[in-house]
Amino acid sequence: MTDIEYVYSPSGFARSNLFYPLIGGIQQLSSTFLFEREHYPAYEIIYILSGKGSVCCGKEWTHLEAGEGFIHNMQHDHAYRSDPSDPYKMMYLVFQGSDMERLWQNWFKHPYMKLSRASSDEPYLNTLRTAIDAMITNDSNIEQTISILLYQLMLQVFIRGQSDSKDRSLVKPASLERGRSYLEQYYSNEADIHRAADSAGLSYYHFIRQFKRYYLMTPKEYLTNIRIGHAKQLLLYSDMPITVLAEQSGFGSYNSFLTMFLQNEGVSPSYYRKMWQRHHPSS
């Protein structure tokens, strides 16, 4: 199969309201291929059809082989490098959307995600092919259809990534379990991520990276979830003043508790108590 490349020109409506492709296709890289870019305001998904090579996002290189995929936020420095002995052929799609930043932060969080080897009928792969084929016409009448395809593609990639992460997290390193246990034990006493890293016997930044890899969230997010969960129990099953339960749940102040609760639950603690405590009357 020869190289193919489609460049798409979205309408103003699509740029303001939809998900839209920018460029996509299939490319066979040379054995000496190396390309670096500092920043591009879009996102990209890659699927390796054959061969092998690496993609860099930020400062981290990820090795890829045939059947594996990679999705990344191109606003971070990135680079592509082929394996000299077996340069890869890739199918790729660069895309953007009016709501991409929020969606990426909620679903993927990390600047990139590697997708494990997939079969030829993998759902996200079929959608990727369909989305690229739809770019051929460059017709504004199908912009909504392409937007739906891109949303579906991201959802399928997210689900696949979650499945990959669960597989990786079946056996967690003992060092990370020690760090996690520290957070569980001291969440109400201003638990410190640096001390959790010390408990794990890892450097601060290595602990954060490994923790996210195995638990699908950062130590800070994990600690916040514990504290919010404890606070919700107190909101539902006690009449404790909110300022007091915030402190007992490990928050340094009512304002920090309110901010995190709103961010996680979408409502204030007092509203949460009002709406749900009536279902759990005290004896």
Protein backbone atom coordinates (compact mmCIF):
# COMPACT_ATOMS: atom_id res chain seq x y z
CA MET A 1 0.00 0.00 0.00
CA THR A 2 1.41 3.41 -0.98
CA ASP A 3 1.41 6.40 1.34
CA ILE A 4 -1.85 8.33 1.49
CA GLU A 5 -2.58 11.61 3.20
CA TYR A 6 -5.78 13.61 3.54
CA VAL A 7 -5.83 17.24 4.65
CA TYR A 8 -9.17 18.43 5.98
CA SER A 9 -10.44 22.01 6.11
CA PRO A 10 -13.17 22.29 8.77
CA SER A 11 -15.75 25.04 8.57
CA GLY A 12 -16.00 27.80 11.14
CA PHE A 13 -19.02 26.06 12.63
CA ALA A 14 -17.07 22.82 13.08
CA ARG A 15 -14.14 24.63 14.69
CA SER A 16 -16.49 26.28 17.19
CA ASN A 17 -18.86 23.42 17.95
CA LEU A 18 -17.61 20.00 16.81
CA PHE A 19 -14.73 17.56 16.84
CA TYR A 20 -12.91 17.73 13.52
CA PRO A 21 -9.95 16.11 11.74
CA LEU A 22 -7.00 18.10 10.38
CA ILE A 23 -4.77 15.56 8.65
CA GLY A 24 -4.66 11.79 8.47
CA GLY A 25 -3.58 8.84 6.42
CA ILE A 26 -0.99 6.09 6.13
CA GLN A 27 2.75 6.64 5.97
CA GLN A 28 5.75 4.36 5.61
CA LEU A 29 8.72 5.90 7.43
CA SER A 30 12.29 5.58 6.25
CA SER A 31 14.98 3.83 8.29
CA THR A 32 16.56 7.19 9.17
CA PHE A 33 13.32 9.00 9.97
CA LEU A 34 13.46 11.41 12.93
CA PHE A 35 11.07 14.32 13.30
CA GLU A 36 10.74 16.69 16.28
CA ARG A 37 8.13 19.34 16.97
CA GLU A 38 7.85 21.64 19.99
CA HIS A 39 4.14 22.33 19.94
CA TYR A 40 1.04 21.83 17.82
CA PRO A 41 -2.49 22.77 18.97
CA ALA A 42 -4.13 19.40 18.32
CA TYR A 43 -4.26 15.73 19.31
CA GLU A 44 -3.07 12.64 17.44
CA ILE A 45 -3.75 8.92 17.41
CA ILE A 46 -1.29 6.52 15.77
CA TYR A 47 -1.63 2.83 14.95
CA ILE A 48 1.42 0.82 13.86
CA LEU A 49 0.59 -1.29 10.82
CA SER A 50 4.04 -2.89 10.51
CA GLY A 51 7.61 -2.43 11.71
CA LYS A 52 8.62 -0.65 14.89
CA GLY A 53 9.87 2.66 16.23
CA SER A 54 9.28 5.19 19.00
CA VAL A 55 7.19 8.24 19.76
CA CYS A 56 8.23 10.85 22.31
CA CYS A 57 5.81 13.02 24.29
CA GLY A 58 7.39 15.52 26.63
CA LYS A 59 10.67 13.84 27.47
CA GLU A 60 9.43 10.24 27.52
CA TRP A 61 10.03 7.91 24.56
CA THR A 62 7.56 5.06 24.05
CA HIS A 63 8.53 2.04 21.95
CA LEU A 64 5.86 0.87 19.52
CA GLU A 65 5.55 -2.25 17.40
CA ALA A 66 3.04 -3.57 14.86
CA GLY A 67 -0.47 -3.76 16.33
CA GLU A 68 0.14 -1.16 19.04
CA GLY A 69 -1.37 2.32 19.25
CA PHE A 70 -0.54 5.67 20.77
CA ILE A 71 -2.64 8.77 21.47
CA HIS A 72 -1.13 12.04 22.66
CA ASN A 73 -1.69 15.72 23.26
CA MET A 74 0.46 17.43 20.63
CA GLN A 75 0.64 20.61 22.67
CA HIS A 76 3.51 18.92 24.50
CA ASP A 77 6.89 18.63 22.78
CA HIS A 78 6.85 15.47 20.69
CA ALA A 79 8.99 13.48 18.24
CA TYR A 80 8.87 10.40 16.04
CA ARG A 81 11.72 7.97 15.33
CA SER A 82 11.76 4.79 13.23
CA ASP A 83 13.73 1.66 13.97
CA PRO A 84 16.62 1.54 11.46
CA SER A 85 16.33 -2.23 11.03
CA ASP A 86 12.53 -2.31 10.66
CA PRO A 87 11.01 1.15 10.13
CA TYR A 88 7.32 1.32 10.88
CA LYS A 89 4.31 2.06 8.73
CA MET A 90 1.64 3.95 10.61
CA MET A 91 -1.97 4.95 10.25
CA TYR A 92 -2.53 8.31 11.91
CA LEU A 93 -5.12 10.98 12.50
CA VAL A 94 -4.58 14.49 13.85
CA PHE A 95 -7.74 16.10 15.23
CA GLN A 96 -9.09 18.87 17.43
CA GLY A 97 -12.40 19.99 18.90
CA SER A 98 -14.10 22.77 20.77
CA ASP A 99 -14.38 20.62 23.91
CA MET A 100 -11.18 18.59 23.53
CA GLU A 101 -9.21 20.17 26.37
CA ARG A 102 -11.88 19.40 28.97
CA LEU A 103 -12.53 15.94 27.59
CA TRP A 104 -8.82 15.08 27.51
CA GLN A 105 -8.34 16.25 31.08
CA ASN A 106 -11.29 14.21 32.31
CA TRP A 107 -10.59 11.03 30.36
CA PHE A 108 -6.87 10.80 29.77
CA LYS A 109 -5.22 13.32 32.15
CA HIS A 110 -1.71 12.22 31.17
CA PRO A 111 -0.18 13.81 28.02
CA TYR A 112 -0.19 10.45 26.24
CA MET A 113 -1.38 6.86 26.42
CA LYS A 114 -0.02 3.72 24.78
CA LEU A 115 -2.49 1.12 23.56
CA SER A 116 -1.50 -2.54 23.70
CA ARG A 117 -1.47 -4.80 20.67
CA ALA A 118 -4.87 -4.92 18.99
CA SER A 119 -6.48 -7.31 16.53
CA SER A 120 -7.48 -6.10 13.08
CA ASP A 121 -11.14 -5.84 14.14
CA GLU A 122 -10.48 -3.78 17.30
CA PRO A 123 -13.39 -1.27 17.66
CA TYR A 124 -11.19 1.83 17.91
CA LEU A 125 -9.20 0.69 14.87
CA ASN A 126 -12.32 0.26 12.74
CA THR A 127 -13.53 3.72 13.77
CA LEU A 128 -10.12 5.22 13.02
CA ARG A 129 -10.23 3.78 9.48
CA THR A 130 -13.78 5.04 8.95
CA ALA A 131 -12.90 8.54 10.19
CA ILE A 132 -9.90 8.75 7.85
CA ASP A 133 -11.96 7.50 4.89
CA ALA A 134 -14.61 10.13 5.65
CA MET A 135 -12.00 12.87 5.21
CA ILE A 136 -11.72 12.13 1.48
CA THR A 137 -14.72 14.24 0.49
CA ASN A 138 -13.85 17.26 2.69
CA ASP A 139 -17.57 18.03 2.58
CA SER A 140 -19.10 20.27 5.26
CA ASN A 141 -22.33 18.27 4.98
CA ILE A 142 -20.72 15.34 6.77
CA GLU A 143 -18.97 17.34 9.49
CA GLN A 144 -21.46 16.21 12.13
CA THR A 145 -20.92 12.59 11.10
CA ILE A 146 -17.15 12.95 11.38
CA SER A 147 -17.55 14.65 14.77
CA ILE A 148 -19.57 11.67 16.01
CA LEU A 149 -16.89 9.32 14.69
CA LEU A 150 -14.13 11.21 16.50
CA TYR A 151 -16.06 11.23 19.77
CA GLN A 152 -16.71 7.51 19.36
CA LEU A 153 -13.03 6.96 18.59
CA MET A 154 -11.91 8.74 21.76
CA LEU A 155 -14.44 6.87 23.87
CA GLN A 156 -13.26 3.53 22.45
CA VAL A 157 -9.62 4.47 23.06
CA PHE A 158 -10.48 5.51 26.62
CA ILE A 159 -12.24 2.18 27.28
CA ARG A 160 -9.34 0.27 25.73
CA GLY A 161 -6.86 2.25 27.83
CA GLN A 162 -8.82 1.47 30.99
CA SER A 163 -8.75 -2.23 30.10
CA ASP A 164 -4.99 -2.10 29.50
CA SER A 165 -4.46 -0.34 32.81
CA LYS A 166 -6.51 -2.93 34.69
CA ASP A 167 -4.39 -5.67 33.17
CA ARG A 168 -1.21 -3.90 34.26
CA SER A 169 -2.55 -3.28 37.74
CA LEU A 170 -3.46 -6.86 38.63
CA VAL A 171 -0.16 -7.20 40.48
CA LYS A 172 1.03 -3.99 42.10
CA PRO A 173 4.61 -3.55 43.29
CA ALA A 174 5.04 -3.90 47.05
CA SER A 175 6.77 -0.51 47.14
CA LEU A 176 3.69 1.24 45.74
CA GLU A 177 1.42 -0.66 48.10
CA ARG A 178 3.47 0.70 51.01
CA GLY A 179 3.00 4.23 49.70
CA ARG A 180 -0.71 3.66 49.16
CA SER A 181 -1.09 2.22 52.67
CA TYR A 182 0.54 5.35 54.07
CA LEU A 183 -2.06 7.51 52.30
CA GLU A 184 -4.90 5.29 53.56
CA GLN A 185 -3.61 5.41 57.14
CA TYR A 186 -2.79 9.12 57.42
CA TYR A 187 -5.34 10.76 55.13
CA SER A 188 -6.94 12.63 58.05
CA ASN A 189 -3.63 13.98 59.37
CA GLU A 190 -2.47 16.01 56.39
CA ALA A 191 -0.75 13.07 54.71
CA ASP A 192 2.19 14.22 52.63
CA ILE A 193 3.02 12.83 49.17
CA HIS A 194 6.74 13.18 49.87
CA ARG A 195 6.36 10.95 52.94
CA ALA A 196 4.31 8.47 50.94
CA ALA A 197 7.16 8.32 48.43
CA ASP A 198 9.61 7.77 51.31
CA SER A 199 7.40 4.92 52.56
CA ALA A 200 7.61 3.38 49.10
CA GLY A 201 11.37 3.85 48.96
CA LEU A 202 11.08 5.83 45.73
CA SER A 203 11.96 9.34 44.63
CA TYR A 204 9.08 11.80 44.68
CA TYR A 205 8.64 12.07 40.90
CA HIS A 206 9.20 8.35 40.23
CA PHE A 207 6.61 7.52 42.87
CA ILE A 208 4.05 9.80 41.19
CA ARG A 209 4.67 8.31 37.74
CA GLN A 210 4.52 4.71 38.93
CA PHE A 211 1.50 5.35 41.14
CA LYS A 212 -0.47 6.76 38.20
CA ARG A 213 0.58 3.83 36.04
CA TYR A 214 -0.81 1.22 38.44
CA TYR A 215 -3.67 3.05 40.18
CA LEU A 216 -4.86 5.14 37.20
CA MET A 217 -4.56 8.40 39.16
CA THR A 218 -1.90 10.47 40.87
CA PRO A 219 -1.22 10.09 44.62
CA LYS A 220 -2.80 13.49 45.16
CA GLU A 221 -5.98 12.44 43.35
CA TYR A 222 -6.05 9.17 45.29
CA LEU A 223 -5.67 11.03 48.59
CA THR A 224 -8.38 13.51 47.62
CA ASN A 225 -10.76 10.64 46.76
CA ILE A 226 -10.18 9.07 50.17
CA ARG A 227 -10.86 12.36 51.93
CA ILE A 228 -13.93 13.16 49.86
CA GLY A 229 -15.27 9.66 50.45
CA HIS A 230 -14.80 9.99 54.21
CA ALA A 231 -16.43 13.42 54.19
CA LYS A 232 -19.44 12.08 52.27
CA GLN A 233 -19.93 9.37 54.88
CA LEU A 234 -19.94 12.01 57.63
CA LEU A 235 -22.32 14.21 55.65
CA LEU A 236 -24.78 11.36 55.26
CA TYR A 237 -24.55 9.60 58.59
CA SER A 238 -23.83 12.35 61.09
CA ASP A 239 -24.96 15.84 61.99
CA MET A 240 -21.38 17.03 62.40
CA PRO A 241 -20.84 20.65 61.33
CA ILE A 242 -19.29 20.82 57.89
CA THR A 243 -16.26 22.80 59.08
CA VAL A 244 -15.52 20.09 61.63
CA LEU A 245 -15.98 17.14 59.30
CA ALA A 246 -13.79 18.88 56.71
CA GLU A 247 -10.97 18.98 59.23
CA GLN A 248 -11.55 15.39 60.33
CA SER A 249 -11.40 14.30 56.69
CA GLY A 250 -7.93 15.77 56.27
CA PHE A 251 -8.65 19.12 54.63
CA GLY A 252 -6.61 22.04 55.89
CA SER A 253 -9.49 24.50 55.66
CA TYR A 254 -13.16 24.73 54.84
CA ASN A 255 -12.35 26.63 51.64
CA SER A 256 -10.05 23.90 50.34
CA PHE A 257 -12.68 21.28 51.23
CA LEU A 258 -15.42 23.27 49.48
CA THR A 259 -13.29 23.70 46.35
CA MET A 260 -12.40 20.01 46.10
CA PHE A 261 -15.95 18.84 46.90
CA LEU A 262 -17.44 21.07 44.23
CA GLN A 263 -14.83 19.86 41.76
CA ASN A 264 -15.47 16.19 42.48
CA GLU A 265 -19.22 16.12 43.17
CA GLY A 266 -20.51 19.15 41.27
CA VAL A 267 -22.48 20.43 44.29
CA SER A 268 -21.63 21.96 47.65
CA PRO A 269 -21.30 19.77 50.79
CA SER A 270 -24.39 21.35 52.33
CA TYR A 271 -26.44 20.70 49.19
CA TYR A 272 -25.16 17.12 49.02
CA ARG A 273 -26.25 16.55 52.64
CA LYS A 274 -29.64 18.14 52.04
CA MET A 275 -30.34 16.08 48.93
CA TRP A 276 -29.15 12.68 50.16
CA GLN A 277 -29.26 12.52 53.94
CA ARG A 278 -33.04 12.31 53.90
CA HIS A 279 -32.67 8.82 52.44
CA HIS A 280 -30.66 7.76 55.49
CA PRO A 281 -32.52 9.07 58.55
CA SER A 282 -30.73 8.67 61.84
CA SER A 283 -32.19 6.24 64.33
